[in-house]
Amino acid sequence: DKYFNETGKYIPIAADGGVTSTKDVTIALALGADYVMMGRYFARMEESPTDKIVVNNRVMKPYWGEGSARAQNWKARRYNQGKFVEGVEGMVEYAGHLRDNLEETLAKIKSSMGTCGAMNISEFHNLAELEVVSALSIREGKPHDIYLSTENIDNQDNNSSE
């Protein structure tokens, strides 16, 4: 904002790297990001160009970040650039179709925006308040000491303290 006020030029802020969940996207937007780089998010989807691979009975998809050696090798050939490896190459868990995931992601972001009264991203930047919470608070905020379905009763540890 200071640079914009002094020069009249606005430079958009990108959240790039480490975005793995809707929570990360929402926090990035709340903290002032104008847009979020979401390569890992999209790599998990059916529509991404990589094949599904079963690893230890889990469906996975290959993923490499733009700073990885694999991406850098491709860029070096295309743009004649040197290597500077910043990212990793690995697998991400398959998440299904983009349409289904994106609808849920957008609904969660809109819900967070609505909670603080924001109608758009700019208002979200100004109205959002983030609070630090402990791991215990997060655990206590989830359902506990209750069976959420009859299917879970046999799978739960019956050694509860009363």
N, C-alpha and C. Protein backbone atom coordinates (compact mmCIF):
# COMPACT_ATOMS: atom_id res chain seq x y z
N ASP A 1 0.82 -1.20 0.00
CA ASP A 1 0.00 0.00 0.00
C ASP A 1 0.86 1.27 0.00
N LYS A 2 1.96 1.23 0.75
CA LYS A 2 2.83 2.40 0.81
C LYS A 2 3.40 2.71 -0.57
N TYR A 3 3.88 1.68 -1.28
CA TYR A 3 4.43 1.88 -2.62
C TYR A 3 3.36 2.43 -3.56
N PHE A 4 2.15 1.89 -3.47
CA PHE A 4 1.05 2.36 -4.32
C PHE A 4 0.73 3.82 -4.01
N ASN A 5 0.67 4.16 -2.74
CA ASN A 5 0.35 5.54 -2.35
C ASN A 5 1.43 6.52 -2.82
N GLU A 6 2.68 6.08 -2.84
CA GLU A 6 3.78 6.95 -3.25
C GLU A 6 3.93 7.05 -4.77
N THR A 7 3.62 5.97 -5.49
CA THR A 7 3.89 5.94 -6.93
C THR A 7 2.64 5.85 -7.80
N GLY A 8 1.53 5.42 -7.23
CA GLY A 8 0.33 5.18 -8.03
C GLY A 8 0.37 3.87 -8.78
N LYS A 9 1.42 3.08 -8.56
CA LYS A 9 1.57 1.79 -9.23
C LYS A 9 1.28 0.67 -8.23
N TYR A 10 0.39 -0.23 -8.63
CA TYR A 10 0.06 -1.36 -7.76
C TYR A 10 0.77 -2.61 -8.26
N ILE A 11 1.46 -3.28 -7.39
CA ILE A 11 2.12 -4.53 -7.72
C ILE A 11 1.37 -5.65 -7.01
N PRO A 12 0.73 -6.55 -7.77
CA PRO A 12 -0.02 -7.65 -7.16
C PRO A 12 0.88 -8.56 -6.33
N ILE A 13 0.32 -9.10 -5.28
CA ILE A 13 1.05 -10.00 -4.39
C ILE A 13 0.63 -11.43 -4.68
N ALA A 14 1.62 -12.30 -4.92
CA ALA A 14 1.37 -13.71 -5.18
C ALA A 14 1.78 -14.54 -3.98
N ALA A 15 0.93 -15.48 -3.58
CA ALA A 15 1.32 -16.48 -2.59
C ALA A 15 1.81 -17.68 -3.38
N ASP A 16 3.07 -18.00 -3.24
CA ASP A 16 3.67 -19.04 -4.07
C ASP A 16 4.51 -19.98 -3.22
N GLY A 17 4.19 -21.25 -3.26
CA GLY A 17 4.98 -22.25 -2.56
C GLY A 17 4.32 -22.72 -1.28
N GLY A 18 4.22 -24.02 -1.13
CA GLY A 18 3.71 -24.60 0.10
C GLY A 18 2.21 -24.60 0.25
N VAL A 19 1.48 -24.21 -0.76
CA VAL A 19 0.02 -24.20 -0.69
C VAL A 19 -0.47 -25.62 -0.93
N THR A 20 -1.05 -26.23 0.11
CA THR A 20 -1.48 -27.63 -0.01
C THR A 20 -2.95 -27.84 0.27
N SER A 21 -3.63 -26.83 0.77
CA SER A 21 -5.02 -27.03 1.17
C SER A 21 -5.83 -25.75 0.98
N THR A 22 -7.15 -25.91 1.10
CA THR A 22 -8.04 -24.76 1.05
C THR A 22 -7.71 -23.79 2.18
N LYS A 23 -7.34 -24.32 3.33
CA LYS A 23 -6.96 -23.48 4.46
C LYS A 23 -5.79 -22.58 4.08
N ASP A 24 -4.79 -23.13 3.41
CA ASP A 24 -3.63 -22.34 2.98
C ASP A 24 -4.03 -21.23 2.02
N VAL A 25 -4.91 -21.55 1.08
CA VAL A 25 -5.39 -20.55 0.12
C VAL A 25 -6.12 -19.43 0.85
N THR A 26 -6.99 -19.81 1.77
CA THR A 26 -7.78 -18.82 2.51
C THR A 26 -6.89 -17.92 3.35
N ILE A 27 -5.91 -18.50 4.02
CA ILE A 27 -4.98 -17.71 4.83
C ILE A 27 -4.18 -16.76 3.95
N ALA A 28 -3.70 -17.25 2.81
CA ALA A 28 -2.93 -16.39 1.90
C ALA A 28 -3.75 -15.19 1.45
N LEU A 29 -5.00 -15.44 1.08
CA LEU A 29 -5.87 -14.34 0.65
C LEU A 29 -6.15 -13.39 1.81
N ALA A 30 -6.39 -13.93 2.99
CA ALA A 30 -6.66 -13.09 4.16
C ALA A 30 -5.46 -12.20 4.50
N LEU A 31 -4.25 -12.72 4.27
CA LEU A 31 -3.04 -11.96 4.59
C LEU A 31 -2.64 -10.97 3.51
N GLY A 32 -3.41 -10.90 2.41
CA GLY A 32 -3.15 -9.87 1.42
C GLY A 32 -2.78 -10.34 0.04
N ALA A 33 -2.72 -11.64 -0.20
CA ALA A 33 -2.39 -12.13 -1.54
C ALA A 33 -3.49 -11.76 -2.53
N ASP A 34 -3.08 -11.33 -3.70
CA ASP A 34 -4.04 -11.06 -4.77
C ASP A 34 -4.37 -12.33 -5.54
N TYR A 35 -3.40 -13.23 -5.58
CA TYR A 35 -3.63 -14.53 -6.21
C TYR A 35 -2.72 -15.56 -5.56
N VAL A 36 -3.06 -16.83 -5.79
CA VAL A 36 -2.36 -17.93 -5.13
C VAL A 36 -1.91 -18.93 -6.19
N MET A 37 -0.65 -19.29 -6.16
CA MET A 37 -0.12 -20.32 -7.04
C MET A 37 -0.50 -21.67 -6.44
N MET A 38 -1.16 -22.52 -7.22
CA MET A 38 -1.75 -23.75 -6.66
C MET A 38 -1.38 -24.99 -7.47
N GLY A 39 -0.13 -25.10 -7.90
CA GLY A 39 0.29 -26.24 -8.71
C GLY A 39 0.03 -27.57 -8.06
N ARG A 40 0.36 -27.70 -6.78
CA ARG A 40 0.17 -28.97 -6.09
C ARG A 40 -1.32 -29.31 -5.98
N TYR A 41 -2.13 -28.31 -5.75
CA TYR A 41 -3.59 -28.50 -5.67
C TYR A 41 -4.10 -29.11 -6.98
N PHE A 42 -3.73 -28.51 -8.11
CA PHE A 42 -4.22 -28.97 -9.40
C PHE A 42 -3.57 -30.29 -9.84
N ALA A 43 -2.36 -30.55 -9.41
CA ALA A 43 -1.66 -31.79 -9.78
C ALA A 43 -2.39 -33.02 -9.26
N ARG A 44 -3.18 -32.88 -8.21
CA ARG A 44 -3.89 -34.01 -7.60
C ARG A 44 -5.12 -34.43 -8.40
N MET A 45 -5.53 -33.62 -9.36
CA MET A 45 -6.81 -33.81 -10.02
C MET A 45 -6.73 -34.74 -11.23
N GLU A 46 -7.86 -35.33 -11.54
CA GLU A 46 -7.99 -36.21 -12.70
C GLU A 46 -7.53 -35.50 -13.97
N GLU A 47 -7.83 -34.22 -14.09
CA GLU A 47 -7.54 -33.48 -15.32
C GLU A 47 -6.07 -33.10 -15.48
N SER A 48 -5.25 -33.28 -14.46
CA SER A 48 -3.83 -32.97 -14.63
C SER A 48 -3.22 -33.98 -15.61
N PRO A 49 -2.17 -33.62 -16.32
CA PRO A 49 -1.68 -34.45 -17.42
C PRO A 49 -0.90 -35.70 -17.02
N THR A 50 -0.68 -35.95 -15.75
CA THR A 50 0.09 -37.13 -15.36
C THR A 50 -0.82 -38.33 -15.12
N ASP A 51 -0.24 -39.51 -15.20
CA ASP A 51 -0.99 -40.75 -14.98
C ASP A 51 -1.14 -41.02 -13.49
N LYS A 52 -2.22 -41.73 -13.14
CA LYS A 52 -2.41 -42.19 -11.77
C LYS A 52 -1.53 -43.41 -11.55
N ILE A 53 -0.96 -43.49 -10.36
CA ILE A 53 -0.08 -44.59 -9.98
C ILE A 53 -0.54 -45.09 -8.61
N VAL A 54 -0.64 -46.41 -8.44
CA VAL A 54 -1.01 -46.97 -7.14
C VAL A 54 0.27 -47.27 -6.37
N VAL A 55 0.40 -46.66 -5.18
CA VAL A 55 1.55 -46.85 -4.32
C VAL A 55 1.03 -47.23 -2.93
N ASN A 56 1.38 -48.42 -2.46
CA ASN A 56 0.92 -48.89 -1.15
C ASN A 56 -0.60 -48.76 -1.00
N ASN A 57 -1.32 -49.20 -2.02
CA ASN A 57 -2.79 -49.18 -2.04
C ASN A 57 -3.38 -47.77 -2.04
N ARG A 58 -2.59 -46.77 -2.35
CA ARG A 58 -3.09 -45.39 -2.44
C ARG A 58 -2.88 -44.90 -3.86
N VAL A 59 -3.87 -44.21 -4.39
CA VAL A 59 -3.76 -43.68 -5.75
C VAL A 59 -3.04 -42.33 -5.67
N MET A 60 -1.96 -42.24 -6.42
CA MET A 60 -1.10 -41.05 -6.40
C MET A 60 -0.94 -40.52 -7.82
N LYS A 61 -0.47 -39.26 -7.90
CA LYS A 61 -0.11 -38.66 -9.18
C LYS A 61 1.26 -38.00 -9.01
N PRO A 62 2.12 -38.14 -10.02
CA PRO A 62 3.43 -37.47 -9.94
C PRO A 62 3.26 -35.95 -9.90
N TYR A 63 4.16 -35.30 -9.18
CA TYR A 63 4.13 -33.84 -9.08
C TYR A 63 5.55 -33.32 -8.97
N TRP A 64 5.82 -32.23 -9.64
CA TRP A 64 7.09 -31.54 -9.49
C TRP A 64 6.82 -30.06 -9.53
N GLY A 65 7.38 -29.35 -8.56
CA GLY A 65 7.21 -27.91 -8.50
C GLY A 65 8.03 -27.21 -9.57
N GLU A 66 7.68 -25.99 -9.86
CA GLU A 66 8.37 -25.24 -10.91
C GLU A 66 9.83 -24.97 -10.57
N GLY A 67 10.18 -25.06 -9.31
CA GLY A 67 11.58 -24.86 -8.93
C GLY A 67 12.36 -26.16 -8.84
N SER A 68 11.72 -27.29 -9.15
CA SER A 68 12.38 -28.60 -9.05
C SER A 68 13.39 -28.79 -10.17
N ALA A 69 14.27 -29.78 -9.99
CA ALA A 69 15.27 -30.07 -11.01
C ALA A 69 14.60 -30.45 -12.33
N ARG A 70 13.51 -31.22 -12.26
CA ARG A 70 12.81 -31.64 -13.49
C ARG A 70 12.30 -30.43 -14.27
N ALA A 71 11.66 -29.50 -13.58
CA ALA A 71 11.14 -28.30 -14.25
C ALA A 71 12.28 -27.42 -14.73
N GLN A 72 13.33 -27.31 -13.94
CA GLN A 72 14.47 -26.47 -14.32
C GLN A 72 15.16 -27.02 -15.56
N ASN A 73 15.26 -28.35 -15.67
CA ASN A 73 15.88 -28.94 -16.86
C ASN A 73 15.09 -28.59 -18.11
N TRP A 74 13.77 -28.64 -18.01
CA TRP A 74 12.92 -28.30 -19.15
C TRP A 74 13.07 -26.82 -19.49
N LYS A 75 13.06 -25.97 -18.46
CA LYS A 75 13.18 -24.52 -18.71
C LYS A 75 14.54 -24.17 -19.29
N ALA A 76 15.59 -24.84 -18.82
CA ALA A 76 16.94 -24.53 -19.31
C ALA A 76 17.03 -24.80 -20.81
N ARG A 77 16.41 -25.89 -21.26
CA ARG A 77 16.42 -26.18 -22.70
C ARG A 77 15.58 -25.16 -23.46
N ARG A 78 14.46 -24.77 -22.87
CA ARG A 78 13.55 -23.87 -23.58
C ARG A 78 14.02 -22.42 -23.55
N TYR A 79 14.48 -21.98 -22.39
CA TYR A 79 14.82 -20.56 -22.23
C TYR A 79 16.32 -20.30 -22.13
N ASN A 80 17.11 -21.36 -22.24
CA ASN A 80 18.56 -21.24 -22.15
C ASN A 80 18.99 -20.62 -20.82
N GLN A 81 18.36 -21.07 -19.75
CA GLN A 81 18.67 -20.58 -18.41
C GLN A 81 19.51 -21.60 -17.66
N GLY A 82 20.27 -21.14 -16.68
CA GLY A 82 21.02 -22.03 -15.82
C GLY A 82 20.12 -22.66 -14.78
N LYS A 83 20.66 -23.62 -14.03
CA LYS A 83 19.88 -24.32 -13.02
C LYS A 83 20.01 -23.64 -11.66
N PHE A 84 18.91 -23.54 -10.98
CA PHE A 84 18.88 -23.11 -9.60
C PHE A 84 17.70 -23.83 -8.96
N VAL A 85 17.97 -24.99 -8.37
CA VAL A 85 16.91 -25.86 -7.88
C VAL A 85 16.36 -25.35 -6.56
N GLU A 86 15.05 -25.13 -6.51
CA GLU A 86 14.38 -24.66 -5.30
C GLU A 86 13.26 -25.60 -4.85
N GLY A 87 12.78 -26.45 -5.73
CA GLY A 87 11.62 -27.27 -5.43
C GLY A 87 11.93 -28.75 -5.41
N VAL A 88 10.89 -29.53 -5.21
CA VAL A 88 11.04 -30.98 -5.11
C VAL A 88 10.16 -31.68 -6.14
N GLU A 89 10.44 -32.97 -6.32
CA GLU A 89 9.66 -33.82 -7.20
C GLU A 89 9.18 -34.99 -6.36
N GLY A 90 7.93 -35.37 -6.51
CA GLY A 90 7.41 -36.48 -5.73
C GLY A 90 6.03 -36.89 -6.19
N MET A 91 5.21 -37.36 -5.24
CA MET A 91 3.86 -37.82 -5.53
C MET A 91 2.88 -37.06 -4.64
N VAL A 92 1.68 -36.84 -5.17
CA VAL A 92 0.59 -36.26 -4.38
C VAL A 92 -0.60 -37.21 -4.47
N GLU A 93 -1.40 -37.23 -3.42
CA GLU A 93 -2.54 -38.14 -3.40
C GLU A 93 -3.63 -37.67 -4.36
N TYR A 94 -4.12 -38.59 -5.14
CA TYR A 94 -5.17 -38.32 -6.12
C TYR A 94 -6.42 -37.82 -5.40
N ALA A 95 -7.07 -36.78 -5.97
CA ALA A 95 -8.21 -36.16 -5.30
C ALA A 95 -9.51 -36.20 -6.10
N GLY A 96 -9.50 -36.78 -7.29
CA GLY A 96 -10.73 -36.84 -8.08
C GLY A 96 -10.79 -35.75 -9.12
N HIS A 97 -12.02 -35.41 -9.50
CA HIS A 97 -12.23 -34.43 -10.57
C HIS A 97 -12.13 -32.99 -10.06
N LEU A 98 -11.58 -32.14 -10.88
CA LEU A 98 -11.40 -30.73 -10.55
C LEU A 98 -12.71 -30.06 -10.19
N ARG A 99 -13.74 -30.29 -10.98
CA ARG A 99 -15.03 -29.62 -10.75
C ARG A 99 -15.51 -29.83 -9.31
N ASP A 100 -15.48 -31.07 -8.84
CA ASP A 100 -15.97 -31.37 -7.49
C ASP A 100 -15.11 -30.71 -6.42
N ASN A 101 -13.81 -30.78 -6.57
CA ASN A 101 -12.90 -30.20 -5.59
C ASN A 101 -12.95 -28.68 -5.60
N LEU A 102 -13.00 -28.10 -6.78
CA LEU A 102 -13.00 -26.64 -6.90
C LEU A 102 -14.27 -26.03 -6.30
N GLU A 103 -15.41 -26.68 -6.53
CA GLU A 103 -16.66 -26.18 -5.95
C GLU A 103 -16.57 -26.15 -4.42
N GLU A 104 -16.02 -27.20 -3.83
CA GLU A 104 -15.88 -27.24 -2.37
C GLU A 104 -14.87 -26.20 -1.89
N THR A 105 -13.75 -26.08 -2.59
CA THR A 105 -12.74 -25.09 -2.21
C THR A 105 -13.31 -23.68 -2.24
N LEU A 106 -14.00 -23.33 -3.32
CA LEU A 106 -14.59 -22.00 -3.43
C LEU A 106 -15.65 -21.76 -2.36
N ALA A 107 -16.44 -22.78 -2.06
CA ALA A 107 -17.47 -22.64 -1.02
C ALA A 107 -16.82 -22.35 0.34
N LYS A 108 -15.71 -23.02 0.64
CA LYS A 108 -15.02 -22.81 1.92
C LYS A 108 -14.40 -21.41 1.98
N ILE A 109 -13.81 -20.96 0.88
CA ILE A 109 -13.23 -19.61 0.86
C ILE A 109 -14.33 -18.57 1.03
N LYS A 110 -15.43 -18.74 0.31
CA LYS A 110 -16.56 -17.80 0.43
C LYS A 110 -17.13 -17.80 1.84
N SER A 111 -17.18 -18.96 2.47
CA SER A 111 -17.67 -19.05 3.84
C SER A 111 -16.77 -18.25 4.78
N SER A 112 -15.46 -18.40 4.62
CA SER A 112 -14.51 -17.64 5.45
C SER A 112 -14.65 -16.14 5.21
N MET A 113 -14.82 -15.76 3.96
CA MET A 113 -15.00 -14.35 3.65
C MET A 113 -16.29 -13.83 4.29
N GLY A 114 -17.36 -14.61 4.18
CA GLY A 114 -18.64 -14.20 4.76
C GLY A 114 -18.59 -14.08 6.26
N THR A 115 -17.81 -14.94 6.91
CA THR A 115 -17.69 -14.91 8.37
C THR A 115 -17.18 -13.56 8.85
N CYS A 116 -16.30 -12.93 8.08
CA CYS A 116 -15.78 -11.62 8.50
C CYS A 116 -16.47 -10.47 7.77
N GLY A 117 -17.50 -10.77 6.98
CA GLY A 117 -18.28 -9.72 6.33
C GLY A 117 -17.71 -9.21 5.02
N ALA A 118 -16.78 -9.95 4.42
CA ALA A 118 -16.16 -9.51 3.16
C ALA A 118 -16.97 -9.99 1.97
N MET A 119 -17.19 -9.08 1.02
CA MET A 119 -17.91 -9.41 -0.21
C MET A 119 -16.96 -9.66 -1.38
N ASN A 120 -15.69 -9.30 -1.21
CA ASN A 120 -14.71 -9.50 -2.27
C ASN A 120 -13.33 -9.65 -1.64
N ILE A 121 -12.34 -9.96 -2.45
CA ILE A 121 -10.99 -10.22 -1.94
C ILE A 121 -10.40 -8.98 -1.27
N SER A 122 -10.62 -7.82 -1.84
CA SER A 122 -10.10 -6.59 -1.25
C SER A 122 -10.65 -6.37 0.16
N GLU A 123 -11.94 -6.58 0.33
CA GLU A 123 -12.54 -6.46 1.67
C GLU A 123 -12.00 -7.55 2.59
N PHE A 124 -11.77 -8.74 2.05
CA PHE A 124 -11.22 -9.83 2.86
C PHE A 124 -9.85 -9.44 3.40
N HIS A 125 -9.01 -8.81 2.57
CA HIS A 125 -7.70 -8.34 3.02
C HIS A 125 -7.84 -7.43 4.24
N ASN A 126 -8.83 -6.56 4.20
CA ASN A 126 -8.98 -5.55 5.25
C ASN A 126 -9.74 -6.04 6.47
N LEU A 127 -10.67 -6.97 6.29
CA LEU A 127 -11.55 -7.38 7.39
C LEU A 127 -11.11 -8.65 8.11
N ALA A 128 -10.35 -9.49 7.46
CA ALA A 128 -9.97 -10.77 8.07
C ALA A 128 -9.06 -10.56 9.27
N GLU A 129 -9.30 -11.33 10.30
CA GLU A 129 -8.45 -11.33 11.49
C GLU A 129 -8.01 -12.77 11.73
N LEU A 130 -6.71 -12.98 11.73
CA LEU A 130 -6.17 -14.31 11.97
C LEU A 130 -5.71 -14.41 13.41
N GLU A 131 -5.97 -15.56 14.00
CA GLU A 131 -5.57 -15.82 15.38
C GLU A 131 -4.70 -17.06 15.43
N VAL A 132 -3.68 -17.03 16.25
CA VAL A 132 -2.84 -18.20 16.45
C VAL A 132 -3.53 -19.10 17.46
N VAL A 133 -3.66 -20.37 17.11
CA VAL A 133 -4.26 -21.34 18.03
C VAL A 133 -3.32 -22.51 18.20
N SER A 134 -3.41 -23.15 19.34
CA SER A 134 -2.53 -24.28 19.63
C SER A 134 -3.06 -25.54 18.95
N ALA A 135 -2.20 -26.53 18.85
CA ALA A 135 -2.60 -27.83 18.29
C ALA A 135 -3.71 -28.45 19.13
N LEU A 136 -3.66 -28.25 20.44
CA LEU A 136 -4.70 -28.78 21.32
C LEU A 136 -6.04 -28.12 21.02
N SER A 137 -6.04 -26.82 20.79
CA SER A 137 -7.29 -26.12 20.45
C SER A 137 -7.89 -26.64 19.16
N ILE A 138 -7.04 -26.91 18.19
CA ILE A 138 -7.52 -27.45 16.92
C ILE A 138 -8.13 -28.83 17.14
N ARG A 139 -7.45 -29.67 17.92
CA ARG A 139 -7.96 -31.01 18.20
C ARG A 139 -9.27 -30.95 18.97
N GLU A 140 -9.35 -30.08 19.95
CA GLU A 140 -10.56 -29.95 20.76
C GLU A 140 -11.72 -29.38 19.96
N GLY A 141 -11.42 -28.63 18.91
CA GLY A 141 -12.46 -28.04 18.08
C GLY A 141 -13.12 -29.03 17.14
N LYS A 142 -12.55 -30.22 17.04
CA LYS A 142 -13.12 -31.26 16.18
C LYS A 142 -13.96 -32.19 17.04
N PRO A 143 -14.88 -32.94 16.41
CA PRO A 143 -15.68 -33.89 17.19
C PRO A 143 -14.78 -34.89 17.91
N HIS A 144 -15.07 -35.13 19.19
CA HIS A 144 -14.32 -36.11 19.97
C HIS A 144 -15.26 -36.71 21.00
N ASP A 145 -14.91 -37.89 21.46
CA ASP A 145 -15.73 -38.62 22.44
C ASP A 145 -17.14 -38.87 21.92
N ILE A 146 -17.28 -39.02 20.61
CA ILE A 146 -18.57 -39.31 20.01
C ILE A 146 -18.32 -40.11 18.73
N TYR A 147 -19.17 -41.10 18.49
CA TYR A 147 -19.08 -41.87 17.25
C TYR A 147 -19.90 -41.14 16.20
N LEU A 148 -19.29 -40.81 15.08
CA LEU A 148 -19.97 -40.06 14.03
C LEU A 148 -20.84 -40.95 13.16
N SER A 149 -20.64 -42.26 13.22
CA SER A 149 -21.50 -43.21 12.51
C SER A 149 -21.36 -44.58 13.15
N THR A 150 -22.33 -45.44 12.91
CA THR A 150 -22.25 -46.79 13.48
C THR A 150 -21.11 -47.58 12.87
N GLU A 151 -20.66 -47.22 11.67
CA GLU A 151 -19.55 -47.92 11.04
C GLU A 151 -18.26 -47.76 11.83
N ASN A 152 -18.11 -46.65 12.55
CA ASN A 152 -16.87 -46.38 13.27
C ASN A 152 -16.80 -47.04 14.63
N ILE A 153 -17.90 -47.56 15.14
CA ILE A 153 -17.92 -48.10 16.50
C ILE A 153 -16.94 -49.25 16.64
N ASP A 154 -16.93 -50.19 15.71
CA ASP A 154 -16.03 -51.33 15.80
C ASP A 154 -14.58 -50.95 15.52
N ASN A 155 -14.36 -49.84 14.83
CA ASN A 155 -13.01 -49.43 14.47
C ASN A 155 -12.36 -48.54 15.51
N GLN A 156 -13.12 -48.08 16.49
CA GLN A 156 -12.59 -47.17 17.50
C GLN A 156 -12.00 -47.96 18.66
N ASP A 157 -11.05 -47.37 19.33
CA ASP A 157 -10.46 -47.97 20.52
C ASP A 157 -11.48 -47.90 21.64
N ASN A 158 -11.81 -49.03 22.23
CA ASN A 158 -12.82 -49.08 23.29
C ASN A 158 -12.26 -48.79 24.67
N ASN A 159 -11.01 -48.41 24.77
CA ASN A 159 -10.39 -48.13 26.06
C ASN A 159 -10.55 -46.66 26.43
N SER A 160 -11.77 -46.20 26.51
CA SER A 160 -11.98 -44.80 26.86
C SER A 160 -11.97 -44.64 28.36
N SER A 161 -11.50 -43.51 28.82
CA SER A 161 -11.49 -43.24 30.26
C SER A 161 -12.77 -42.53 30.62
N GLU A 162 -13.43 -43.04 31.65
CA GLU A 162 -14.71 -42.44 32.06
C GLU A 162 -14.59 -41.84 33.43
